[in-house]
Amino acid sequence: MTLVGVLILIAQIIGGLLLLTLIVVVHEFGHYLMARKNGIEVEEFGIGFPPRAWSKKLKNGVIFSINWLPIGGFCRVKGENSADKRKGTYGAASFKGKTQFLLAGVVSNLILAAVVFTGLSLFGMPKLVASQFTVPADNHEILGPVEVSQVVAGSVAAKNDLQTGDILISLNGEPILRSTDLPKMTAAYKSQEVSLVVKRADAETTKTLTLGDGTSGKGVLGVSTFSTESNRATWSAPIVGVALTGQLTYETFKGLGGMLANLFSGIWSNLQGVFGAGDGTGGAKIAAAGDGLSGPIGIVGILFPGAFASGASMVLLLVGIISLSLAVMNLLPIPALDGGRWLMVLISKISKKEISQQTEEKIITRGFLVILALAALTIFLDVWRIIK
């Protein structure tokens, strides 16, 4: 990589860190607003993590700080445990106040995602799921070209000089509009002679070739392709933004459930294998779970540089998805997260028995250890993807 390339990559990584910080600050600002609304004293609102670079005490008594580590932010309130009942503490707030305070970060991230998706819908929201929400009366579909991403060695495509980056225009006069259409089209003409129009470097050529029968393991044509699809709206963009946020939240929960199922069933299968009872699928299941995880290295070092290289719309899309994912993660019933802390508040409300400070700290500490373990796993998988 050239010096210019290295400098661009560094700038992209810094940009990724700043955007991640923005997403977390939006989350923490939600906590800040609900703390003030419910009489919980905010001692410090920080952008980034200490050591401090600069700070100022505002007129309302809150210390506003900018810190040297650009990896998020925080909202520190008075007495962050339920047992502390002093005036102005988190513990002294009502059940409603605690609920609003704890879930405000989640709501803020969902609002940010909805705003981003609304903006993208005005210019072209990429299609992320098969049945993606649109308002049919105000939907304009935008299809990108079908581009060859891989050519199978020894295949019909390879023998006829198809190359990575070629654009596939039509097959036997039928337009190739989507990447998903190509396998159906080639299957309909397998073992037959066809004409394939290909665009390379702004020049179109027509290739006459005989497709395979699909039994050689090299495919009927022998290419992998990709194409982009997006939907553009006008007056319905806010509706699409909100509805799509809900739809993708559901899909994220579903994907997270599948990932955890693969992870735990893979571990169980490997443990059975130690005693000769495994089915041999443990490694594949754990690998499948790992494919669904991306930690800070993957996001900042891989995803954001790729998004920056693809343009502003991809950067905004990534911001929206990460903001939504942060909301979903914080809803999980892990004690150190907002959802877990709210669950403890709910249990206390139902049982009418306050959790002691010592017990609460133990629960949160163990939850934090679970988060650290997950973070270590995602970082390991990120590094593994880079070096393998």
Protein backbone atom coordinates (compact mmCIF):
# COMPACT_ATOMS: atom_id res chain seq x y z
CA MET A 1 0.00 0.00 0.00
CA THR A 2 1.31 3.44 -0.93
CA LEU A 3 1.84 6.26 1.58
CA VAL A 4 -1.26 8.03 0.23
CA GLY A 5 -3.25 4.81 0.66
CA VAL A 6 -2.06 4.47 4.26
CA LEU A 7 -3.00 8.09 5.01
CA ILE A 8 -6.45 7.59 3.48
CA LEU A 9 -6.96 4.42 5.54
CA ILE A 10 -5.92 6.24 8.74
CA ALA A 11 -8.33 9.09 7.94
CA GLN A 12 -11.13 6.58 7.34
CA ILE A 13 -10.42 4.81 10.64
CA ILE A 14 -10.43 8.15 12.50
CA GLY A 15 -13.68 9.04 10.75
CA GLY A 16 -15.13 5.69 11.82
CA LEU A 17 -14.12 6.30 15.44
CA LEU A 18 -15.74 9.73 15.41
CA LEU A 19 -18.97 8.35 13.94
CA LEU A 20 -19.06 5.54 16.52
CA THR A 21 -18.53 8.16 19.22
CA LEU A 22 -21.42 10.18 17.79
CA ILE A 23 -23.72 7.12 17.92
CA VAL A 24 -22.82 6.44 21.56
CA VAL A 25 -23.13 10.14 22.50
CA VAL A 26 -26.67 10.15 21.05
CA HIS A 27 -27.41 7.15 23.28
CA GLU A 28 -25.99 8.86 26.36
CA PHE A 29 -27.76 12.13 25.57
CA GLY A 30 -31.04 10.24 25.81
CA HIS A 31 -30.05 9.18 29.33
CA TYR A 32 -29.11 12.80 30.09
CA LEU A 33 -32.47 14.21 29.00
CA MET A 34 -34.50 11.66 30.97
CA ALA A 35 -32.30 12.07 34.05
CA ARG A 36 -32.96 15.82 34.05
CA LYS A 37 -36.69 15.24 33.43
CA ASN A 38 -37.00 12.85 36.39
CA GLY A 39 -34.96 14.77 38.95
CA ILE A 40 -31.85 12.59 38.73
CA GLU A 41 -28.77 14.79 39.09
CA VAL A 42 -26.26 14.48 36.25
CA GLU A 43 -22.74 14.94 37.57
CA GLU A 44 -20.86 14.70 34.26
CA PHE A 45 -21.64 14.30 30.58
CA GLY A 46 -18.57 13.24 28.65
CA ILE A 47 -17.69 12.82 25.00
CA GLY A 48 -15.04 10.11 24.71
CA PHE A 49 -13.46 8.45 27.73
CA PRO A 50 -10.87 9.81 30.21
CA PRO A 51 -8.27 11.11 30.58
CA ARG A 52 -9.89 14.48 30.18
CA ALA A 53 -8.75 16.83 27.45
CA TRP A 54 -11.08 19.68 28.42
CA SER A 55 -13.99 20.27 30.77
CA LYS A 56 -16.37 23.01 31.88
CA LYS A 57 -18.98 23.19 34.62
CA LEU A 58 -22.25 24.38 33.10
CA LYS A 59 -24.77 26.70 34.78
CA ASN A 60 -26.98 23.72 35.65
CA GLY A 61 -24.10 22.16 37.62
CA VAL A 62 -23.26 19.45 35.08
CA ILE A 63 -19.62 18.98 34.15
CA PHE A 64 -19.31 18.78 30.36
CA SER A 65 -16.07 17.11 29.29
CA ILE A 66 -14.25 16.16 26.13
CA ASN A 67 -11.88 13.25 26.67
CA TRP A 68 -8.87 11.86 24.87
CA LEU A 69 -10.19 8.40 23.97
CA PRO A 70 -12.71 8.80 21.08
CA ILE A 71 -14.54 5.54 21.72
CA GLY A 72 -17.94 6.65 22.97
CA GLY A 73 -19.23 8.77 25.79
CA PHE A 74 -20.91 8.63 29.18
CA CYS A 75 -23.56 10.20 31.38
CA ARG A 76 -22.58 9.91 35.05
CA VAL A 77 -25.44 10.49 37.47
CA LYS A 78 -25.58 10.80 41.24
CA GLY A 79 -25.83 7.48 43.08
CA GLU A 80 -26.00 4.91 40.27
CA ASN A 81 -27.48 2.12 42.39
CA SER A 82 -31.02 1.50 43.62
CA ALA A 83 -30.05 1.35 47.30
CA ASP A 84 -28.89 4.99 47.35
CA LYS A 85 -32.03 6.96 48.25
CA ARG A 86 -30.52 10.41 48.71
CA LYS A 87 -32.34 13.26 47.01
CA GLY A 88 -31.39 13.54 43.34
CA THR A 89 -29.97 10.04 43.08
CA TYR A 90 -30.91 7.32 40.61
CA GLY A 91 -32.11 5.17 43.51
CA ALA A 92 -34.52 7.84 44.71
CA ALA A 93 -36.28 8.05 41.33
CA SER A 94 -39.68 6.43 40.83
CA PHE A 95 -40.16 3.22 38.84
CA LYS A 96 -41.41 5.33 35.93
CA GLY A 97 -38.40 7.65 36.23
CA LYS A 98 -35.91 4.79 36.27
CA THR A 99 -37.64 3.17 33.30
CA GLN A 100 -37.49 6.38 31.28
CA PHE A 101 -33.86 6.96 32.26
CA LEU A 102 -32.68 3.41 31.46
CA LEU A 103 -34.54 3.00 28.16
CA ALA A 104 -33.94 6.54 26.86
CA GLY A 105 -30.63 5.55 25.27
CA VAL A 106 -32.31 2.75 23.34
CA VAL A 107 -35.05 5.10 22.14
CA SER A 108 -32.48 7.72 21.12
CA ASN A 109 -30.58 5.22 18.99
CA LEU A 110 -33.79 4.03 17.34
CA ILE A 111 -34.71 7.65 16.57
CA LEU A 112 -31.26 8.22 15.04
CA ALA A 113 -31.69 5.09 12.90
CA ALA A 114 -35.16 6.24 11.77
CA VAL A 115 -33.81 9.70 10.83
CA VAL A 116 -30.94 8.15 8.83
CA PHE A 117 -33.25 5.70 7.05
CA THR A 118 -35.67 8.54 6.27
CA GLY A 119 -32.86 10.55 4.67
CA LEU A 120 -31.66 7.55 2.69
CA SER A 121 -35.21 6.81 1.51
CA LEU A 122 -35.31 10.24 -0.15
CA PHE A 123 -32.25 9.42 -2.28
CA GLY A 124 -32.29 5.61 -2.41
CA MET A 125 -32.49 3.20 0.53
CA PRO A 126 -30.53 0.00 -0.24
CA LYS A 127 -32.58 -3.19 -0.10
CA LEU A 128 -31.42 -5.08 2.98
CA VAL A 129 -34.13 -7.73 3.43
CA ALA A 130 -36.30 -9.62 0.94
CA SER A 131 -39.64 -8.11 1.97
CA GLN A 132 -38.33 -4.66 2.84
CA PHE A 133 -41.07 -2.17 3.77
CA THR A 134 -42.11 0.37 1.16
CA VAL A 135 -45.21 2.42 0.41
CA PRO A 136 -46.15 1.04 -3.05
CA ALA A 137 -47.85 4.26 -4.15
CA ASP A 138 -44.64 6.23 -3.54
CA ASN A 139 -41.88 3.72 -4.29
CA HIS A 140 -39.36 4.08 -7.08
CA GLU A 141 -37.13 1.04 -7.49
CA ILE A 142 -33.51 1.67 -8.49
CA LEU A 143 -31.56 -1.31 -9.85
CA GLY A 144 -27.78 -1.33 -10.13
CA PRO A 145 -25.88 -3.35 -12.76
CA VAL A 146 -25.30 -7.08 -12.34
CA GLU A 147 -21.53 -7.36 -11.93
CA VAL A 148 -19.35 -10.47 -11.99
CA SER A 149 -17.59 -10.87 -8.62
CA GLN A 150 -15.98 -14.28 -9.21
CA VAL A 151 -15.35 -16.62 -12.14
CA VAL A 152 -15.12 -20.36 -11.42
CA ALA A 153 -11.92 -21.88 -12.85
CA GLY A 154 -12.60 -24.27 -15.73
CA SER A 155 -16.22 -23.16 -16.08
CA VAL A 156 -18.06 -22.04 -19.22
CA ALA A 157 -17.54 -18.43 -18.11
CA ALA A 158 -13.78 -18.90 -17.70
CA LYS A 159 -13.46 -20.61 -21.11
CA ASN A 160 -15.29 -17.69 -22.72
CA ASP A 161 -13.11 -15.00 -21.10
CA LEU A 162 -15.60 -13.60 -18.60
CA GLN A 163 -13.74 -11.57 -15.99
CA THR A 164 -14.33 -10.09 -12.55
CA GLY A 165 -15.91 -6.67 -12.99
CA ASP A 166 -17.78 -7.52 -16.19
CA ILE A 167 -21.38 -6.27 -16.32
CA LEU A 168 -23.95 -8.81 -17.53
CA ILE A 169 -26.58 -7.06 -19.66
CA SER A 170 -28.83 -9.76 -21.15
CA LEU A 171 -29.16 -13.47 -21.89
CA ASN A 172 -30.82 -14.44 -25.18
CA GLY A 173 -32.25 -10.94 -25.41
CA GLU A 174 -33.77 -11.06 -21.90
CA PRO A 175 -32.44 -8.29 -19.62
CA ILE A 176 -30.53 -9.44 -16.53
CA LEU A 177 -31.93 -7.02 -13.95
CA ARG A 178 -30.94 -8.61 -10.64
CA SER A 179 -28.16 -10.86 -9.45
CA THR A 180 -30.77 -13.25 -8.06
CA ASP A 181 -32.35 -13.60 -11.52
CA LEU A 182 -29.25 -15.03 -13.21
CA PRO A 183 -29.33 -18.60 -11.75
CA LYS A 184 -32.99 -18.99 -12.83
CA MET A 185 -32.23 -17.68 -16.32
CA THR A 186 -29.19 -19.89 -16.90
CA ALA A 187 -31.00 -22.95 -15.49
CA ALA A 188 -33.74 -22.44 -18.11
CA TYR A 189 -31.14 -22.65 -20.90
CA LYS A 190 -28.70 -25.24 -19.48
CA SER A 191 -26.81 -27.29 -22.07
CA GLN A 192 -28.05 -24.88 -24.77
CA GLU A 193 -26.26 -22.35 -26.94
CA VAL A 194 -27.07 -18.79 -25.84
CA SER A 195 -26.04 -15.22 -26.55
CA LEU A 196 -24.76 -13.25 -23.57
CA VAL A 197 -24.28 -9.49 -23.78
CA VAL A 198 -21.40 -8.33 -21.58
CA LYS A 199 -20.20 -4.80 -20.84
CA ARG A 200 -16.53 -4.18 -20.08
CA ALA A 201 -14.87 -0.77 -19.89
CA ASP A 202 -17.95 0.91 -21.41
CA ALA A 203 -17.90 -1.41 -24.46
CA GLU A 204 -20.59 -4.04 -25.00
CA THR A 205 -19.83 -7.37 -26.66
CA THR A 206 -22.05 -10.34 -27.46
CA LYS A 207 -20.67 -13.76 -26.60
CA THR A 208 -22.15 -16.92 -28.08
CA LEU A 209 -21.55 -19.82 -25.74
CA THR A 210 -22.95 -23.20 -24.72
CA LEU A 211 -24.02 -23.41 -21.09
CA GLY A 212 -23.13 -26.36 -18.87
CA ASP A 213 -25.59 -28.90 -17.54
CA GLY A 214 -24.95 -28.00 -13.89
CA THR A 215 -23.63 -31.44 -12.91
CA SER A 216 -19.89 -30.73 -13.07
CA GLY A 217 -19.76 -28.71 -9.86
CA LYS A 218 -18.77 -25.64 -11.86
CA GLY A 219 -22.26 -24.27 -12.37
CA VAL A 220 -24.26 -23.76 -15.54
CA LEU A 221 -22.38 -20.53 -16.38
CA GLY A 222 -19.83 -20.52 -13.57
CA VAL A 223 -19.92 -17.01 -12.12
CA SER A 224 -20.85 -15.31 -8.87
CA THR A 225 -22.47 -11.91 -9.26
CA PHE A 226 -23.72 -9.04 -7.16
CA SER A 227 -26.03 -6.14 -7.80
CA THR A 228 -27.53 -3.34 -5.75
CA GLU A 229 -31.20 -2.61 -5.28
CA SER A 230 -32.61 0.46 -3.59
CA ASN A 231 -35.97 2.10 -3.05
CA ARG A 232 -36.57 5.84 -3.29
CA ALA A 233 -39.54 7.65 -1.78
CA THR A 234 -40.75 11.27 -1.53
CA TRP A 235 -43.67 12.10 0.78
CA SER A 236 -43.62 8.65 2.39
CA ALA A 237 -39.92 8.79 3.37
CA PRO A 238 -40.62 9.42 7.12
CA ILE A 239 -43.13 6.55 7.15
CA VAL A 240 -40.62 4.26 5.46
CA GLY A 241 -37.84 5.37 7.85
CA VAL A 242 -39.86 4.57 10.98
CA ALA A 243 -41.36 1.33 9.64
CA LEU A 244 -38.00 0.13 8.34
CA THR A 245 -36.44 0.79 11.76
CA GLY A 246 -39.06 -1.49 13.31
CA GLN A 247 -38.60 -4.14 10.63
CA LEU A 248 -34.80 -4.18 10.92
CA THR A 249 -35.03 -4.25 14.73
CA TYR A 250 -37.08 -7.45 14.43
CA GLU A 251 -34.62 -8.90 11.90
CA THR A 252 -31.70 -8.02 14.19
CA PHE A 253 -33.30 -9.80 17.15
CA LYS A 254 -34.01 -12.81 14.91
CA GLY A 255 -30.45 -12.86 13.58
CA LEU A 256 -29.03 -12.50 17.09
CA GLY A 257 -31.14 -15.46 18.24
CA GLY A 258 -29.91 -17.59 15.36
CA MET A 259 -26.31 -16.59 16.03
CA LEU A 260 -26.53 -17.50 19.72
CA ALA A 261 -28.27 -20.79 18.85
CA ASN A 262 -25.41 -21.68 16.49
CA LEU A 263 -22.80 -20.67 19.05
CA PHE A 264 -24.18 -22.69 21.96
CA SER A 265 -25.19 -25.72 19.88
CA GLY A 266 -21.73 -25.70 18.29
CA ILE A 267 -20.03 -25.61 21.72
CA TRP A 268 -22.31 -28.41 22.95
CA SER A 269 -21.56 -30.52 19.87
CA ASN A 270 -17.82 -30.08 20.40
CA LEU A 271 -18.15 -31.05 24.07
CA GLN A 272 -20.05 -34.19 23.02
CA GLY A 273 -17.30 -34.90 20.51
CA VAL A 274 -14.77 -35.15 23.34
CA PHE A 275 -16.66 -38.24 24.50
CA GLY A 276 -17.21 -39.59 21.00
CA ALA A 277 -20.86 -38.54 20.77
CA GLY A 278 -20.61 -35.39 18.65
CA ASP A 279 -22.09 -35.08 15.16
CA GLY A 280 -19.07 -33.25 13.74
CA THR A 281 -20.97 -30.02 13.05
CA GLY A 282 -19.71 -28.04 16.06
CA GLY A 283 -16.93 -26.21 14.23
CA ALA A 284 -19.20 -25.20 11.35
CA LYS A 285 -21.88 -23.90 13.73
CA ILE A 286 -19.37 -21.84 15.72
CA ALA A 287 -17.93 -20.47 12.46
CA ALA A 288 -21.46 -19.54 11.31
CA ALA A 289 -22.01 -17.73 14.61
CA GLY A 290 -18.69 -15.91 14.17
CA ASP A 291 -19.72 -14.71 10.71
CA GLY A 292 -22.57 -12.79 12.37
CA LEU A 293 -20.29 -11.01 14.86
CA SER A 294 -18.30 -7.89 14.21
CA GLY A 295 -16.43 -6.12 16.98
CA PRO A 296 -14.70 -2.75 17.19
CA ILE A 297 -11.78 -3.79 14.97
CA GLY A 298 -14.12 -5.12 12.31
CA ILE A 299 -16.34 -2.02 12.42
CA VAL A 300 -13.64 0.64 12.54
CA GLY A 301 -10.86 -1.15 10.64
CA ILE A 302 -12.88 -2.96 7.96
CA LEU A 303 -16.51 -1.85 7.70
CA PHE A 304 -16.05 1.93 7.93
CA PRO A 305 -13.12 2.11 5.44
CA GLY A 306 -15.16 0.02 3.02
CA ALA A 307 -18.19 2.26 3.54
CA PHE A 308 -16.17 5.47 3.08
CA ALA A 309 -14.77 4.05 -0.16
CA SER A 310 -18.33 3.36 -1.37
CA GLY A 311 -19.64 6.86 -0.73
CA ALA A 312 -21.66 8.92 1.73
CA SER A 313 -24.83 6.84 1.39
CA MET A 314 -23.04 3.68 2.55
CA VAL A 315 -21.51 5.54 5.50
CA LEU A 316 -24.97 6.79 6.53
CA LEU A 317 -26.40 3.29 6.10
CA LEU A 318 -23.71 1.88 8.38
CA VAL A 319 -24.40 4.60 10.98
CA GLY A 320 -28.10 3.72 10.93
CA ILE A 321 -27.48 -0.02 11.23
CA ILE A 322 -24.93 0.37 14.06
CA SER A 323 -27.24 2.75 15.94
CA LEU A 324 -30.09 0.25 15.61
CA SER A 325 -27.80 -2.62 16.66
CA LEU A 326 -26.66 -0.67 19.73
CA ALA A 327 -30.31 -0.20 20.70
CA VAL A 328 -30.99 -3.93 20.33
CA MET A 329 -27.88 -4.93 22.29
CA ASN A 330 -28.82 -2.60 25.15
CA LEU A 331 -32.25 -4.21 25.39
CA LEU A 332 -30.73 -7.61 26.14
CA PRO A 333 -31.33 -8.78 29.75
CA ILE A 334 -27.62 -8.68 30.64
CA PRO A 335 -27.27 -6.88 34.02
CA ALA A 336 -24.57 -4.41 32.95
CA LEU A 337 -26.71 -3.25 30.01
CA ASP A 338 -29.77 -1.00 30.13
CA GLY A 339 -32.17 -3.89 29.55
CA GLY A 340 -30.65 -5.94 32.37
CA ARG A 341 -30.68 -3.02 34.78
CA TRP A 342 -34.32 -2.32 33.95
CA LEU A 343 -35.14 -6.00 34.55
CA MET A 344 -33.70 -5.69 38.06
CA VAL A 345 -35.84 -2.60 38.65
CA LEU A 346 -38.90 -4.50 37.42
CA ILE A 347 -38.15 -7.49 39.70
CA SER A 348 -37.85 -5.12 42.68
CA LYS A 349 -41.13 -3.47 41.72
CA ILE A 350 -42.99 -6.79 41.46
CA SER A 351 -41.42 -8.38 44.54
CA LYS A 352 -41.65 -5.11 46.51
CA LYS A 353 -38.17 -5.90 47.82
CA GLU A 354 -35.24 -3.59 47.18
CA ILE A 355 -32.04 -5.21 45.87
CA SER A 356 -29.15 -4.35 48.19
CA GLN A 357 -26.22 -2.34 46.87
CA GLN A 358 -23.87 -5.29 47.40
CA THR A 359 -26.12 -7.71 45.49
CA GLU A 360 -26.72 -5.21 42.67
CA GLU A 361 -22.99 -4.59 42.29
CA LYS A 362 -22.29 -8.34 42.16
CA ILE A 363 -24.96 -8.88 39.49
CA ILE A 364 -23.74 -5.96 37.39
CA THR A 365 -20.09 -7.04 37.75
CA ARG A 366 -20.90 -10.54 36.51
CA GLY A 367 -22.90 -9.10 33.66
CA PHE A 368 -19.95 -6.88 32.80
CA LEU A 369 -17.70 -9.95 32.71
CA VAL A 370 -20.10 -11.55 30.21
CA ILE A 371 -19.84 -8.41 28.05
CA LEU A 372 -16.04 -8.47 28.28
CA ALA A 373 -16.05 -12.13 27.23
CA LEU A 374 -18.25 -11.33 24.22
CA ALA A 375 -16.02 -8.35 23.37
CA ALA A 376 -12.91 -10.55 23.55
CA LEU A 377 -14.60 -13.10 21.28
CA THR A 378 -15.56 -10.51 18.68
CA ILE A 379 -12.08 -8.94 18.71
CA PHE A 380 -10.50 -12.38 18.27
CA LEU A 381 -12.82 -13.13 15.33
CA ASP A 382 -12.09 -9.71 13.79
CA VAL A 383 -8.33 -10.33 13.95
CA TRP A 384 -8.79 -13.89 12.66
CA ARG A 385 -10.69 -12.62 9.60
CA ILE A 386 -7.88 -10.17 8.85
CA ILE A 387 -4.93 -12.58 9.19
CA LYS A 388 -6.40 -15.84 7.90
